[in-house]
Every structure is written in C-alpha cells, then in structure tokens.
C-alpha cells in the first residue's frame, strides 16, 4: 500500500502546509490537502503514500477509512 500513488498539492510538498483534509474516493484513491483555498489543477502533485506518511505520520491513523470518505482535521499531526 505504501507504493500507492496519491494526490496532494505543491503547498503540502513545497511550503510544508499541514494536511488538514483527506479524501478517499469511491475507487479507493487518496487526496491530501492543506488549508489553501482555490487550488488549481497545476497545483496538484502525484506522489507515493509512503511520502505522505513521511510528511505526516499521523495520517497512518486514518488509513482505515472507507471509500467515499472525507476527514477534516483541525491541525496536522
């Protein structure tokens, strides 16, 4: 599972934006977002789940959520 490709943003990767919004779609694909609004397609980045877990180990606590789920967190980690 750690080699699974996931979607995040340049803000999480380059600006260290905390991950506060996590989506798992109907097919089981993951998206991880910070607090930024108005994110554009060109802001998206595809990385391995392993990298997300390196950025924020607490994400491991929510990996059991079902498909079609969304988790909001006040703060990361």
PDB file of N, CA and C in Angstrom:
ATOM      1  N   UNK A   1       0.820  -1.204   0.000  1.00  0.00           N
ATOM      2  CA  UNK A   1       0.000   0.000   0.000  1.00  0.00           C
ATOM      3  C   UNK A   1       0.862   1.265   0.000  1.00  0.00           C
ATOM      4  N   UNK A   2       2.050   1.218   0.586  1.00  0.00           N
ATOM      5  CA  UNK A   2       2.887   2.410   0.674  1.00  0.00           C
ATOM      6  C   UNK A   2       3.350   2.908  -0.689  1.00  0.00           C
ATOM      7  N   UNK A   3       3.371   2.030  -1.713  1.00  0.00           N
ATOM      8  CA  UNK A   3       3.755   2.442  -3.057  1.00  0.00           C
ATOM      9  C   UNK A   3       2.585   3.006  -3.848  1.00  0.00           C
ATOM     10  N   UNK A   4       1.422   3.063  -3.236  1.00  0.00           N
ATOM     11  CA  UNK A   4       0.223   3.576  -3.874  1.00  0.00           C
ATOM     12  C   UNK A   4       0.405   5.049  -4.241  1.00  0.00           C
ATOM     13  N   UNK A   5       0.034   5.410  -5.470  1.00  0.00           N
ATOM     14  CA  UNK A   5       0.101   6.811  -5.893  1.00  0.00           C
ATOM     15  C   UNK A   5      -1.071   7.576  -5.286  1.00  0.00           C
ATOM     16  N   UNK A   6      -0.796   8.764  -4.764  1.00  0.00           N
ATOM     17  CA  UNK A   6      -1.819   9.616  -4.165  1.00  0.00           C
ATOM     18  C   UNK A   6      -1.666  11.031  -4.702  1.00  0.00           C
ATOM     19  N   UNK A   7      -2.697  11.825  -4.534  1.00  0.00           N
ATOM     20  CA  UNK A   7      -2.676  13.216  -4.982  1.00  0.00           C
ATOM     21  C   UNK A   7      -2.536  14.127  -3.776  1.00  0.00           C
ATOM     22  N   UNK A   8      -1.672  15.111  -3.918  1.00  0.00           N
ATOM     23  CA  UNK A   8      -1.542  16.165  -2.917  1.00  0.00           C
ATOM     24  C   UNK A   8      -1.302  17.468  -3.673  1.00  0.00           C
ATOM     25  N   UNK A   9      -0.802  18.473  -3.000  1.00  0.00           N
ATOM     26  CA  UNK A   9      -0.560  19.759  -3.656  1.00  0.00           C
ATOM     27  C   UNK A   9       0.878  20.208  -3.461  1.00  0.00           C
ATOM     28  N   UNK A  10       1.260  21.158  -4.280  1.00  0.00           N
ATOM     29  CA  UNK A  10       2.594  21.738  -4.134  1.00  0.00           C
ATOM     30  C   UNK A  10       2.722  22.441  -2.786  1.00  0.00           C
ATOM     31  N   UNK A  11       1.602  22.869  -2.223  1.00  0.00           N
ATOM     32  CA  UNK A  11       1.638  23.564  -0.938  1.00  0.00           C
ATOM     33  C   UNK A  11       2.048  22.618   0.190  1.00  0.00           C
ATOM     34  N   UNK A  12       1.546  21.394   0.150  1.00  0.00           N
ATOM     35  CA  UNK A  12       1.932  20.384   1.139  1.00  0.00           C
ATOM     36  C   UNK A  12       3.398  20.012   0.952  1.00  0.00           C
ATOM     37  N   UNK A  13       3.817  19.822  -0.299  1.00  0.00           N
ATOM     38  CA  UNK A  13       5.182  19.366  -0.571  1.00  0.00           C
ATOM     39  C   UNK A  13       6.235  20.456  -0.452  1.00  0.00           C
ATOM     40  N   UNK A  14       5.945  21.628  -0.990  1.00  0.00           N
ATOM     41  CA  UNK A  14       6.961  22.674  -1.093  1.00  0.00           C
ATOM     42  C   UNK A  14       6.879  23.730   0.004  1.00  0.00           C
ATOM     43  N   UNK A  15       5.689  23.950   0.540  1.00  0.00           N
ATOM     44  CA  UNK A  15       5.504  25.001   1.542  1.00  0.00           C
ATOM     45  C   UNK A  15       5.228  24.444   2.939  1.00  0.00           C
ATOM     46  N   UNK A  16       5.290  23.119   3.076  1.00  0.00           N
ATOM     47  CA  UNK A  16       5.042  22.460   4.366  1.00  0.00           C
ATOM     48  C   UNK A  16       3.665  22.786   4.945  1.00  0.00           C
ATOM     49  N   UNK A  17       2.684  22.957   4.083  1.00  0.00           N
ATOM     50  CA  UNK A  17       1.320  23.183   4.548  1.00  0.00           C
ATOM     51  C   UNK A  17       0.833  21.927   5.270  1.00  0.00           C
ATOM     52  N   UNK A  18       0.270  22.056   6.467  1.00  0.00           N
ATOM     53  CA  UNK A  18      -0.208  20.873   7.186  1.00  0.00           C
ATOM     54  C   UNK A  18      -1.392  20.225   6.460  1.00  0.00           C
ATOM     55  N   UNK A  19      -1.431  18.913   6.459  1.00  0.00           N
ATOM     56  CA  UNK A  19      -2.524  18.172   5.821  1.00  0.00           C
ATOM     57  C   UNK A  19      -3.729  18.195   6.755  1.00  0.00           C
ATOM     58  N   UNK A  20      -4.785  18.879   6.324  1.00  0.00           N
ATOM     59  CA  UNK A  20      -5.983  19.002   7.158  1.00  0.00           C
ATOM     60  C   UNK A  20      -7.224  18.396   6.511  1.00  0.00           C
ATOM     61  N   UNK A  21      -7.128  18.037   5.238  1.00  0.00           N
ATOM     62  CA  UNK A  21      -8.266  17.488   4.515  1.00  0.00           C
ATOM     63  C   UNK A  21      -7.818  16.243   3.757  1.00  0.00           C
ATOM     64  N   UNK A  22      -8.502  15.126   4.022  1.00  0.00           N
ATOM     65  CA  UNK A  22      -8.149  13.852   3.397  1.00  0.00           C
ATOM     66  C   UNK A  22      -9.406  13.253   2.768  1.00  0.00           C
ATOM     67  N   UNK A  23      -9.315  12.934   1.484  1.00  0.00           N
ATOM     68  CA  UNK A  23     -10.414  12.299   0.760  1.00  0.00           C
ATOM     69  C   UNK A  23      -9.995  10.903   0.319  1.00  0.00           C
ATOM     70  N   UNK A  24     -10.918   9.966   0.403  1.00  0.00           N
ATOM     71  CA  UNK A  24     -10.741   8.649  -0.212  1.00  0.00           C
ATOM     72  C   UNK A  24     -11.956   8.453  -1.109  1.00  0.00           C
ATOM     73  N   UNK A  25     -11.740   8.451  -2.422  1.00  0.00           N
ATOM     74  CA  UNK A  25     -12.873   8.424  -3.344  1.00  0.00           C
ATOM     75  C   UNK A  25     -13.485   7.032  -3.478  1.00  0.00           C
ATOM     76  N   UNK A  26     -14.493   6.931  -4.353  1.00  0.00           N
ATOM     77  CA  UNK A  26     -15.234   5.681  -4.498  1.00  0.00           C
ATOM     78  C   UNK A  26     -14.384   4.522  -5.006  1.00  0.00           C
ATOM     79  N   UNK A  27     -13.263   4.828  -5.653  1.00  0.00           N
ATOM     80  CA  UNK A  27     -12.365   3.785  -6.160  1.00  0.00           C
ATOM     81  C   UNK A  27     -11.210   3.493  -5.202  1.00  0.00           C
ATOM     82  N   UNK A  28     -11.172   4.200  -4.085  1.00  0.00           N
ATOM     83  CA  UNK A  28     -10.108   3.988  -3.109  1.00  0.00           C
ATOM     84  C   UNK A  28      -8.882   4.846  -3.331  1.00  0.00           C
ATOM     85  N   UNK A  29      -8.973   5.827  -4.229  1.00  0.00           N
ATOM     86  CA  UNK A  29      -7.857   6.743  -4.468  1.00  0.00           C
ATOM     87  C   UNK A  29      -7.861   7.845  -3.413  1.00  0.00           C
ATOM     88  N   UNK A  30      -6.666   8.266  -3.025  1.00  0.00           N
ATOM     89  CA  UNK A  30      -6.486   9.225  -1.933  1.00  0.00           C
ATOM     90  C   UNK A  30      -6.112  10.609  -2.440  1.00  0.00           C
ATOM     91  N   UNK A  31      -6.577  11.643  -1.703  1.00  0.00           N
ATOM     92  CA  UNK A  31      -6.190  13.033  -1.938  1.00  0.00           C
ATOM     93  C   UNK A  31      -5.920  13.680  -0.585  1.00  0.00           C
ATOM     94  N   UNK A  32      -4.807  14.408  -0.508  1.00  0.00           N
ATOM     95  CA  UNK A  32      -4.379  15.042   0.742  1.00  0.00           C
ATOM     96  C   UNK A  32      -4.158  16.532   0.496  1.00  0.00           C
ATOM     97  N   UNK A  33      -4.877  17.383   1.249  1.00  0.00           N
ATOM     98  CA  UNK A  33      -4.812  18.823   1.041  1.00  0.00           C
ATOM     99  C   UNK A  33      -4.495  19.578   2.326  1.00  0.00           C
ATOM    100  N   UNK A  34      -3.906  20.754   2.151  1.00  0.00           N
ATOM    101  CA  UNK A  34      -3.680  21.668   3.254  1.00  0.00           C
ATOM    102  C   UNK A  34      -4.867  22.608   3.402  1.00  0.00           C
ATOM    103  N   UNK A  35      -4.640  23.768   4.021  1.00  0.00           N
ATOM    104  CA  UNK A  35      -5.715  24.731   4.287  1.00  0.00           C
ATOM    105  C   UNK A  35      -6.001  25.669   3.115  1.00  0.00           C
ATOM    106  N   UNK A  36      -5.229  25.586   2.061  1.00  0.00           N
ATOM    107  CA  UNK A  36      -5.351  26.521   0.949  1.00  0.00           C
ATOM    108  C   UNK A  36      -6.710  26.415   0.262  1.00  0.00           C
ATOM    109  N   UNK A  37      -7.189  27.524  -0.231  1.00  0.00           N
ATOM    110  CA  UNK A  37      -8.447  27.592  -0.984  1.00  0.00           C
ATOM    111  C   UNK A  37      -8.110  27.854  -2.450  1.00  0.00           C
ATOM    112  N   UNK A  38      -9.024  27.543  -3.334  1.00  0.00           N
ATOM    113  CA  UNK A  38      -8.846  27.852  -4.746  1.00  0.00           C
ATOM    114  C   UNK A  38      -7.686  27.125  -5.403  1.00  0.00           C
ATOM    115  N   UNK A  39      -7.494  25.888  -5.038  1.00  0.00           N
ATOM    116  CA  UNK A  39      -6.394  25.105  -5.607  1.00  0.00           C
ATOM    117  C   UNK A  39      -6.688  24.823  -7.077  1.00  0.00           C
ATOM    118  N   UNK A  40      -5.680  25.006  -7.908  1.00  0.00           N
ATOM    119  CA  UNK A  40      -5.806  24.783  -9.342  1.00  0.00           C
ATOM    120  C   UNK A  40      -5.209  23.438  -9.729  1.00  0.00           C
ATOM    121  N   UNK A  41      -5.579  22.949 -10.898  1.00  0.00           N
ATOM    122  CA  UNK A  41      -5.065  21.659 -11.369  1.00  0.00           C
ATOM    123  C   UNK A  41      -3.541  21.646 -11.411  1.00  0.00           C
ATOM    124  N   UNK A  42      -2.946  22.755 -11.795  1.00  0.00           N
ATOM    125  CA  UNK A  42      -1.476  22.809 -11.874  1.00  0.00           C
ATOM    126  C   UNK A  42      -0.799  22.796 -10.499  1.00  0.00           C
ATOM    127  N   UNK A  43      -1.571  22.953  -9.430  1.00  0.00           N
ATOM    128  CA  UNK A  43      -1.031  22.855  -8.071  1.00  0.00           C
ATOM    129  C   UNK A  43      -0.928  21.402  -7.603  1.00  0.00           C
ATOM    130  N   UNK A  44      -1.560  20.482  -8.330  1.00  0.00           N
ATOM    131  CA  UNK A  44      -1.593  19.070  -7.925  1.00  0.00           C
ATOM    132  C   UNK A  44      -0.241  18.399  -8.134  1.00  0.00           C
ATOM    133  N   UNK A  45       0.051  17.448  -7.269  1.00  0.00           N
ATOM    134  CA  UNK A  45       1.255  16.627  -7.363  1.00  0.00           C
ATOM    135  C   UNK A  45       0.850  15.184  -7.083  1.00  0.00           C
ATOM    136  N   UNK A  46       1.464  14.246  -7.797  1.00  0.00           N
ATOM    137  CA  UNK A  46       1.242  12.821  -7.561  1.00  0.00           C
ATOM    138  C   UNK A  46       2.505  12.257  -6.926  1.00  0.00           C
ATOM    139  N   UNK A  47       2.337  11.656  -5.756  1.00  0.00           N
ATOM    140  CA  UNK A  47       3.462  11.067  -5.032  1.00  0.00           C
ATOM    141  C   UNK A  47       3.017   9.732  -4.444  1.00  0.00           C
ATOM    142  N   UNK A  48       3.932   9.038  -3.810  1.00  0.00           N
ATOM    143  CA  UNK A  48       3.599   7.774  -3.151  1.00  0.00           C
ATOM    144  C   UNK A  48       3.014   8.036  -1.767  1.00  0.00           C
ATOM    145  N   UNK A  49       2.125   7.158  -1.347  1.00  0.00           N
ATOM    146  CA  UNK A  49       1.568   7.240   0.002  1.00  0.00           C
ATOM    147  C   UNK A  49       2.689   7.249   1.036  1.00  0.00           C
ATOM    148  N   UNK A  50       3.732   6.508   0.775  1.00  0.00           N
ATOM    149  CA  UNK A  50       4.892   6.451   1.666  1.00  0.00           C
ATOM    150  C   UNK A  50       5.440   7.851   1.955  1.00  0.00           C
ATOM    151  N   UNK A  51       5.460   8.707   0.929  1.00  0.00           N
ATOM    152  CA  UNK A  51       5.957  10.074   1.113  1.00  0.00           C
ATOM    153  C   UNK A  51       5.020  10.894   1.994  1.00  0.00           C
ATOM    154  N   UNK A  52       3.709  10.709   1.820  1.00  0.00           N
ATOM    155  CA  UNK A  52       2.740  11.401   2.680  1.00  0.00           C
ATOM    156  C   UNK A  52       2.956  10.991   4.127  1.00  0.00           C
ATOM    157  N   UNK A  53       3.176   9.698   4.358  1.00  0.00           N
ATOM    158  CA  UNK A  53       3.392   9.207   5.725  1.00  0.00           C
ATOM    159  C   UNK A  53       4.686   9.751   6.315  1.00  0.00           C
ATOM    160  N   UNK A  54       5.670  10.031   5.478  1.00  0.00           N
ATOM    161  CA  UNK A  54       6.904  10.663   5.956  1.00  0.00           C
ATOM    162  C   UNK A  54       6.646  12.120   6.350  1.00  0.00           C
ATOM    163  N   UNK A  55       5.808  12.785   5.582  1.00  0.00           N
ATOM    164  CA  UNK A  55       5.471  14.181   5.861  1.00  0.00           C
ATOM    165  C   UNK A  55       4.657  14.284   7.150  1.00  0.00           C
ATOM    166  N   UNK A  56       3.699  13.370   7.326  1.00  0.00           N
ATOM    167  CA  UNK A  56       2.798  13.414   8.481  1.00  0.00           C
ATOM    168  C   UNK A  56       2.459  11.989   8.919  1.00  0.00           C
ATOM    169  N   UNK A  57       3.161  11.503   9.905  1.00  0.00           N
ATOM    170  CA  UNK A  57       2.974  10.128  10.387  1.00  0.00           C
ATOM    171  C   UNK A  57       1.557   9.875  10.898  1.00  0.00           C
ATOM    172  N   UNK A  58       0.877  10.909  11.384  1.00  0.00           N
ATOM    173  CA  UNK A  58      -0.466  10.714  11.939  1.00  0.00           C
ATOM    174  C   UNK A  58      -1.490  10.329  10.873  1.00  0.00           C
ATOM    175  N   UNK A  59      -1.163  10.498   9.604  1.00  0.00           N
ATOM    176  CA  UNK A  59      -2.057  10.061   8.530  1.00  0.00           C
ATOM    177  C   UNK A  59      -2.303   8.558   8.639  1.00  0.00           C
ATOM    178  N   UNK A  60      -1.333   7.825   9.139  1.00  0.00           N
ATOM    179  CA  UNK A  60      -1.488   6.383   9.319  1.00  0.00           C
ATOM    180  C   UNK A  60      -2.691   6.025  10.172  1.00  0.00           C
ATOM    181  N   UNK A  61      -3.106   6.932  11.051  1.00  0.00           N
ATOM    182  CA  UNK A  61      -4.249   6.684  11.937  1.00  0.00           C
ATOM    183  C   UNK A  61      -5.592   6.683  11.207  1.00  0.00           C
ATOM    184  N   UNK A  62      -5.637   7.252  10.002  1.00  0.00           N
ATOM    185  CA  UNK A  62      -6.921   7.344   9.294  1.00  0.00           C
ATOM    186  C   UNK A  62      -6.966   6.511   8.015  1.00  0.00           C
ATOM    187  N   UNK A  63      -5.965   5.694   7.781  1.00  0.00           N
ATOM    188  CA  UNK A  63      -5.923   4.917   6.547  1.00  0.00           C
ATOM    189  C   UNK A  63      -7.013   3.853   6.454  1.00  0.00           C
ATOM    190  N   UNK A  64      -7.678   3.548   7.545  1.00  0.00           N
ATOM    191  CA  UNK A  64      -8.731   2.527   7.533  1.00  0.00           C
ATOM    192  C   UNK A  64     -10.100   3.084   7.132  1.00  0.00           C
ATOM    193  N   UNK A  65     -10.182   4.376   6.796  1.00  0.00           N
ATOM    194  CA  UNK A  65     -11.488   4.919   6.422  1.00  0.00           C
ATOM    195  C   UNK A  65     -12.002   4.245   5.153  1.00  0.00           C
ATOM    196  N   UNK A  66     -13.310   4.229   5.016  1.00  0.00           N
ATOM    197  CA  UNK A  66     -13.952   3.581   3.871  1.00  0.00           C
ATOM    198  C   UNK A  66     -13.870   4.467   2.636  1.00  0.00           C
ATOM    199  N   UNK A  67     -14.062   3.846   1.472  1.00  0.00           N
ATOM    200  CA  UNK A  67     -14.171   4.610   0.235  1.00  0.00           C
ATOM    201  C   UNK A  67     -15.328   5.599   0.368  1.00  0.00           C
ATOM    202  N   UNK A  68     -15.227   6.683  -0.361  1.00  0.00           N
ATOM    203  CA  UNK A  68     -16.206   7.776  -0.325  1.00  0.00           C
ATOM    204  C   UNK A  68     -16.220   8.488   1.020  1.00  0.00           C
ATOM    205  N   UNK A  69     -15.063   8.564   1.644  1.00  0.00           N
ATOM    206  CA  UNK A  69     -14.966   9.226   2.951  1.00  0.00           C
ATOM    207  C   UNK A  69     -14.107  10.478   2.859  1.00  0.00           C
ATOM    208  N   UNK A  70     -14.367  11.388   3.778  1.00  0.00           N
ATOM    209  CA  UNK A  70     -13.624  12.642   3.870  1.00  0.00           C
ATOM    210  C   UNK A  70     -13.354  12.921   5.341  1.00  0.00           C
ATOM    211  N   UNK A  71     -12.122  13.211   5.652  1.00  0.00           N
ATOM    212  CA  UNK A  71     -11.738  13.523   7.028  1.00  0.00           C
ATOM    213  C   UNK A  71     -11.191  14.943   7.064  1.00  0.00           C
ATOM    214  N   UNK A  72     -11.739  15.763   7.971  1.00  0.00           N
ATOM    215  CA  UNK A  72     -11.220  17.104   8.240  1.00  0.00           C
ATOM    216  C   UNK A  72     -10.474  17.059   9.559  1.00  0.00           C
ATOM    217  N   UNK A  73      -9.335  17.695   9.617  1.00  0.00           N
ATOM    218  CA  UNK A  73      -8.575  17.774  10.864  1.00  0.00           C
ATOM    219  C   UNK A  73      -8.316  19.242  11.166  1.00  0.00           C
ATOM    220  N   UNK A  74      -8.437  19.612  12.416  1.00  0.00           N
ATOM    221  CA  UNK A  74      -8.158  20.997  12.817  1.00  0.00           C
ATOM    222  C   UNK A  74      -6.704  21.346  12.539  1.00  0.00           C
ATOM    223  N   UNK A  75      -5.823  20.453  12.923  1.00  0.00           N
ATOM    224  CA  UNK A  75      -4.393  20.628  12.704  1.00  0.00           C
ATOM    225  C   UNK A  75      -3.798  19.291  12.325  1.00  0.00           C
ATOM    226  N   UNK A  76      -2.668  19.351  11.673  1.00  0.00           N
ATOM    227  CA  UNK A  76      -1.972  18.117  11.301  1.00  0.00           C
ATOM    228  C   UNK A  76      -1.241  17.563  12.501  1.00  0.00           C
ATOM    229  N   UNK A  77      -1.066  16.238  12.470  1.00  0.00           N
ATOM    230  CA  UNK A  77      -0.247  15.535  13.444  1.00  0.00           C
ATOM    231  C   UNK A  77      -0.615  15.830  14.837  1.00  0.00           C
TER     232      UNK A  77
END
